[in-house]
Amino acid sequence: MGTVQIPEQKTEGKFQEMETVDIPRIGPLMWILFGFLLLPPAVVTFLGNMMGPIPNQRLWIVLLGLPFPLLFVAMPRRYIIKGDELIISGLLYKFRIPVSSIVSVEPIGRIKALLAPGSVFCSDPARALVVKREGKMDLVISPKNKEPFISLNSSRSN
């Protein structure tokens, strides 16, 4: 018996894409926001236990507590720069942005990052970057390593 030879892989004819994967963390400001989202159902539960049952108490607890899991599910899980697109993927979604449509990527302040309409993709306002796109709403992202994303500015101009 001899050894089995593994054929060599040819990489000459293939285009190798550069891929940058960034897994964001959920920052302390977002955890505080999550805590505040849990306050209304907790208050309804507390008042219902102290004063007697509130009409439709369970419904109010569910309705007031609904933003917490929805916001948590909407948090980005990964930012990927692959070839000519920026991919933002979460638990239930994958959002693709062509690099050619990106006008600029710039840092943005914490308060602006929380209040911006496109901030659903931001999980840490302290690291927020605004992605300005041609003719579309600006998006706010929060990668751990900002350099590859800011470099999208220079790749656009080349």
C-alpha atoms as a PDB file:
ATOM      1  CA  MET A   1       0.000   0.000   0.000  1.00  0.00           C
ATOM      2  CA  GLY A   2       1.247   3.421  -0.821  1.00  0.00           C
ATOM      3  CA  THR A   3       0.333   6.900   0.205  1.00  0.00           C
ATOM      4  CA  VAL A   4      -2.477   8.683  -1.526  1.00  0.00           C
ATOM      5  CA  GLN A   5      -1.341  11.794  -3.328  1.00  0.00           C
ATOM      6  CA  ILE A   6      -3.470  14.873  -2.961  1.00  0.00           C
ATOM      7  CA  PRO A   7      -3.695  16.905  -6.146  1.00  0.00           C
ATOM      8  CA  GLU A   8      -2.261  20.411  -5.901  1.00  0.00           C
ATOM      9  CA  GLN A   9      -4.768  23.206  -5.946  1.00  0.00           C
ATOM     10  CA  LYS A  10      -4.298  25.716  -8.713  1.00  0.00           C
ATOM     11  CA  THR A  11      -4.861  29.306  -7.665  1.00  0.00           C
ATOM     12  CA  GLU A  12      -3.418  30.950 -10.760  1.00  0.00           C
ATOM     13  CA  GLY A  13      -6.637  31.105 -12.748  1.00  0.00           C
ATOM     14  CA  LYS A  14      -8.916  31.962  -9.863  1.00  0.00           C
ATOM     15  CA  PHE A  15      -9.608  35.434  -8.570  1.00  0.00           C
ATOM     16  CA  GLN A  16      -9.152  35.435  -4.812  1.00  0.00           C
ATOM     17  CA  GLU A  17     -11.473  37.885  -3.104  1.00  0.00           C
ATOM     18  CA  MET A  18     -10.401  39.772  -0.048  1.00  0.00           C
ATOM     19  CA  GLU A  19     -12.934  39.275   2.718  1.00  0.00           C
ATOM     20  CA  THR A  20     -13.124  41.281   5.923  1.00  0.00           C
ATOM     21  CA  VAL A  21     -15.397  39.893   8.625  1.00  0.00           C
ATOM     22  CA  ASP A  22     -16.133  42.008  11.680  1.00  0.00           C
ATOM     23  CA  ILE A  23     -18.274  40.721  14.539  1.00  0.00           C
ATOM     24  CA  PRO A  24     -19.583  43.691  16.542  1.00  0.00           C
ATOM     25  CA  ARG A  25     -20.106  43.667  20.264  1.00  0.00           C
ATOM     26  CA  ILE A  26     -23.128  45.034  22.048  1.00  0.00           C
ATOM     27  CA  GLY A  27     -21.911  48.129  23.877  1.00  0.00           C
ATOM     28  CA  PRO A  28     -22.817  49.218  27.406  1.00  0.00           C
ATOM     29  CA  LEU A  29     -25.112  51.980  26.154  1.00  0.00           C
ATOM     30  CA  MET A  30     -27.230  49.422  24.290  1.00  0.00           C
ATOM     31  CA  TRP A  31     -27.429  47.189  27.389  1.00  0.00           C
ATOM     32  CA  ILE A  32     -28.698  50.232  29.343  1.00  0.00           C
ATOM     33  CA  LEU A  33     -31.272  50.841  26.593  1.00  0.00           C
ATOM     34  CA  PHE A  34     -32.317  47.180  26.805  1.00  0.00           C
ATOM     35  CA  GLY A  35     -32.726  47.609  30.574  1.00  0.00           C
ATOM     36  CA  PHE A  36     -34.976  50.623  30.072  1.00  0.00           C
ATOM     37  CA  LEU A  37     -37.073  48.638  27.597  1.00  0.00           C
ATOM     38  CA  LEU A  38     -37.751  46.097  30.351  1.00  0.00           C
ATOM     39  CA  LEU A  39     -38.943  48.757  32.829  1.00  0.00           C
ATOM     40  CA  PRO A  40     -42.509  49.313  31.494  1.00  0.00           C
ATOM     41  CA  PRO A  41     -43.581  45.644  31.699  1.00  0.00           C
ATOM     42  CA  ALA A  42     -41.916  45.388  35.117  1.00  0.00           C
ATOM     43  CA  VAL A  43     -43.853  48.442  36.352  1.00  0.00           C
ATOM     44  CA  VAL A  44     -47.155  46.996  35.075  1.00  0.00           C
ATOM     45  CA  THR A  45     -46.379  43.703  36.833  1.00  0.00           C
ATOM     46  CA  PHE A  46     -45.421  45.473  40.060  1.00  0.00           C
ATOM     47  CA  LEU A  47     -48.515  47.706  40.063  1.00  0.00           C
ATOM     48  CA  GLY A  48     -50.734  44.722  39.237  1.00  0.00           C
ATOM     49  CA  ASN A  49     -49.341  42.808  42.203  1.00  0.00           C
ATOM     50  CA  MET A  50     -49.595  45.764  44.613  1.00  0.00           C
ATOM     51  CA  MET A  51     -52.989  47.246  43.673  1.00  0.00           C
ATOM     52  CA  GLY A  52     -54.796  44.189  42.410  1.00  0.00           C
ATOM     53  CA  PRO A  53     -55.178  42.947  38.898  1.00  0.00           C
ATOM     54  CA  ILE A  54     -55.060  45.567  36.140  1.00  0.00           C
ATOM     55  CA  PRO A  55     -57.552  44.988  33.302  1.00  0.00           C
ATOM     56  CA  ASN A  56     -55.773  43.085  30.507  1.00  0.00           C
ATOM     57  CA  GLN A  57     -52.562  42.981  32.559  1.00  0.00           C
ATOM     58  CA  ARG A  58     -50.988  40.124  30.583  1.00  0.00           C
ATOM     59  CA  LEU A  59     -51.688  41.876  27.294  1.00  0.00           C
ATOM     60  CA  TRP A  60     -50.028  45.086  28.547  1.00  0.00           C
ATOM     61  CA  ILE A  61     -46.983  43.152  29.758  1.00  0.00           C
ATOM     62  CA  VAL A  62     -46.596  41.446  26.379  1.00  0.00           C
ATOM     63  CA  LEU A  63     -47.139  44.642  24.363  1.00  0.00           C
ATOM     64  CA  LEU A  64     -44.796  46.731  26.498  1.00  0.00           C
ATOM     65  CA  GLY A  65     -42.158  43.982  26.564  1.00  0.00           C
ATOM     66  CA  LEU A  66     -42.250  43.331  22.809  1.00  0.00           C
ATOM     67  CA  PRO A  67     -39.576  45.917  21.820  1.00  0.00           C
ATOM     68  CA  PHE A  68     -36.893  44.108  23.852  1.00  0.00           C
ATOM     69  CA  PRO A  69     -36.744  40.855  21.850  1.00  0.00           C
ATOM     70  CA  LEU A  70     -37.384  42.680  18.562  1.00  0.00           C
ATOM     71  CA  LEU A  71     -34.459  45.043  19.131  1.00  0.00           C
ATOM     72  CA  PHE A  72     -32.231  42.168  20.233  1.00  0.00           C
ATOM     73  CA  VAL A  73     -33.093  40.144  17.102  1.00  0.00           C
ATOM     74  CA  ALA A  74     -32.421  43.220  14.923  1.00  0.00           C
ATOM     75  CA  MET A  75     -28.869  43.637  16.269  1.00  0.00           C
ATOM     76  CA  PRO A  76     -26.208  42.968  13.650  1.00  0.00           C
ATOM     77  CA  ARG A  77     -24.218  39.761  14.022  1.00  0.00           C
ATOM     78  CA  ARG A  78     -21.605  40.406  11.347  1.00  0.00           C
ATOM     79  CA  TYR A  79     -20.283  43.062   8.980  1.00  0.00           C
ATOM     80  CA  ILE A  80     -18.555  41.612   5.923  1.00  0.00           C
ATOM     81  CA  ILE A  81     -16.714  43.396   3.139  1.00  0.00           C
ATOM     82  CA  LYS A  82     -16.610  40.828   0.369  1.00  0.00           C
ATOM     83  CA  GLY A  83     -15.530  41.800  -3.104  1.00  0.00           C
ATOM     84  CA  ASP A  84     -17.588  44.785  -4.180  1.00  0.00           C
ATOM     85  CA  GLU A  85     -20.255  44.735  -1.468  1.00  0.00           C
ATOM     86  CA  LEU A  86     -20.742  45.407   2.230  1.00  0.00           C
ATOM     87  CA  ILE A  87     -22.901  42.735   3.855  1.00  0.00           C
ATOM     88  CA  ILE A  88     -24.649  43.341   7.170  1.00  0.00           C
ATOM     89  CA  SER A  89     -26.085  40.113   8.520  1.00  0.00           C
ATOM     90  CA  GLY A  90     -28.171  39.511  11.570  1.00  0.00           C
ATOM     91  CA  LEU A  91     -30.074  36.649  13.090  1.00  0.00           C
ATOM     92  CA  LEU A  92     -32.949  36.830  10.595  1.00  0.00           C
ATOM     93  CA  TYR A  93     -31.656  39.048   7.781  1.00  0.00           C
ATOM     94  CA  LYS A  94     -28.816  39.726   5.365  1.00  0.00           C
ATOM     95  CA  PHE A  95     -28.507  43.231   3.926  1.00  0.00           C
ATOM     96  CA  ARG A  96     -26.193  43.800   0.926  1.00  0.00           C
ATOM     97  CA  ILE A  97     -24.864  47.227  -0.033  1.00  0.00           C
ATOM     98  CA  PRO A  98     -22.860  47.627  -3.249  1.00  0.00           C
ATOM     99  CA  VAL A  99     -19.609  49.488  -2.540  1.00  0.00           C
ATOM    100  CA  SER A 100     -20.226  51.547  -5.705  1.00  0.00           C
ATOM    101  CA  SER A 101     -23.316  53.095  -4.064  1.00  0.00           C
ATOM    102  CA  ILE A 102     -21.422  54.152  -0.919  1.00  0.00           C
ATOM    103  CA  VAL A 103     -20.593  57.867  -0.995  1.00  0.00           C
ATOM    104  CA  SER A 104     -18.681  57.972   2.304  1.00  0.00           C
ATOM    105  CA  VAL A 105     -18.123  56.217   5.616  1.00  0.00           C
ATOM    106  CA  GLU A 106     -17.488  58.564   8.540  1.00  0.00           C
ATOM    107  CA  PRO A 107     -17.507  58.454  12.357  1.00  0.00           C
ATOM    108  CA  ILE A 108     -20.667  59.728  14.040  1.00  0.00           C
ATOM    109  CA  GLY A 109     -21.359  60.752  17.643  1.00  0.00           C
ATOM    110  CA  ARG A 110     -23.113  58.507  20.166  1.00  0.00           C
ATOM    111  CA  ILE A 111     -26.323  60.521  20.424  1.00  0.00           C
ATOM    112  CA  LYS A 112     -26.603  60.933  16.649  1.00  0.00           C
ATOM    113  CA  ALA A 113     -25.955  57.196  16.256  1.00  0.00           C
ATOM    114  CA  LEU A 114     -28.886  56.375  18.562  1.00  0.00           C
ATOM    115  CA  LEU A 115     -31.269  58.879  16.968  1.00  0.00           C
ATOM    116  CA  ALA A 116     -30.429  58.295  13.293  1.00  0.00           C
ATOM    117  CA  PRO A 117     -33.184  56.589  11.287  1.00  0.00           C
ATOM    118  CA  GLY A 118     -30.762  53.956   9.958  1.00  0.00           C
ATOM    119  CA  SER A 119     -29.325  53.067  13.351  1.00  0.00           C
ATOM    120  CA  VAL A 120     -30.935  49.634  13.555  1.00  0.00           C
ATOM    121  CA  PHE A 121     -27.611  48.150  12.370  1.00  0.00           C
ATOM    122  CA  CYS A 122     -25.658  49.815  15.197  1.00  0.00           C
ATOM    123  CA  SER A 123     -24.987  47.739  18.300  1.00  0.00           C
ATOM    124  CA  ASP A 124     -22.375  49.988  19.941  1.00  0.00           C
ATOM    125  CA  PRO A 125     -22.890  53.763  19.519  1.00  0.00           C
ATOM    126  CA  ALA A 126     -19.373  54.429  20.864  1.00  0.00           C
ATOM    127  CA  ARG A 127     -17.927  52.834  17.695  1.00  0.00           C
ATOM    128  CA  ALA A 128     -20.538  54.143  15.259  1.00  0.00           C
ATOM    129  CA  LEU A 129     -19.851  54.921  11.611  1.00  0.00           C
ATOM    130  CA  VAL A 130     -22.380  56.416   9.221  1.00  0.00           C
ATOM    131  CA  VAL A 131     -22.517  54.846   5.752  1.00  0.00           C
ATOM    132  CA  LYS A 132     -23.800  57.488   3.318  1.00  0.00           C
ATOM    133  CA  ARG A 133     -25.287  56.041   0.145  1.00  0.00           C
ATOM    134  CA  GLU A 134     -26.352  57.576  -3.169  1.00  0.00           C
ATOM    135  CA  GLY A 135     -30.041  58.388  -3.108  1.00  0.00           C
ATOM    136  CA  LYS A 136     -30.828  56.171  -0.122  1.00  0.00           C
ATOM    137  CA  MET A 137     -31.089  56.463   3.646  1.00  0.00           C
ATOM    138  CA  ASP A 138     -27.817  56.626   5.586  1.00  0.00           C
ATOM    139  CA  LEU A 139     -27.032  53.565   7.694  1.00  0.00           C
ATOM    140  CA  VAL A 140     -25.214  53.494  11.024  1.00  0.00           C
ATOM    141  CA  ILE A 141     -22.906  50.548  11.691  1.00  0.00           C
ATOM    142  CA  SER A 142     -20.584  49.799  14.611  1.00  0.00           C
ATOM    143  CA  PRO A 143     -17.697  47.506  13.672  1.00  0.00           C
ATOM    144  CA  LYS A 144     -14.939  46.694  16.179  1.00  0.00           C
ATOM    145  CA  ASN A 145     -12.237  47.552  13.648  1.00  0.00           C
ATOM    146  CA  LYS A 146     -13.122  50.750  11.766  1.00  0.00           C
ATOM    147  CA  GLU A 147     -10.191  50.883   9.313  1.00  0.00           C
ATOM    148  CA  PRO A 148     -11.485  48.438   6.650  1.00  0.00           C
ATOM    149  CA  PHE A 149     -14.829  50.228   6.588  1.00  0.00           C
ATOM    150  CA  ILE A 150     -13.364  53.726   6.432  1.00  0.00           C
ATOM    151  CA  SER A 151     -11.117  52.475   3.609  1.00  0.00           C
ATOM    152  CA  LEU A 152     -14.288  52.043   1.539  1.00  0.00           C
ATOM    153  CA  ASN A 153     -14.002  55.829   1.021  1.00  0.00           C
ATOM    154  CA  SER A 154     -10.664  55.456  -0.768  1.00  0.00           C
ATOM    155  CA  SER A 155     -11.787  52.425  -2.793  1.00  0.00           C
ATOM    156  CA  ARG A 156     -14.746  54.470  -4.052  1.00  0.00           C
ATOM    157  CA  SER A 157     -12.511  57.266  -5.311  1.00  0.00           C
ATOM    158  CA  ASN A 158     -10.155  54.865  -7.136  1.00  0.00           C
END
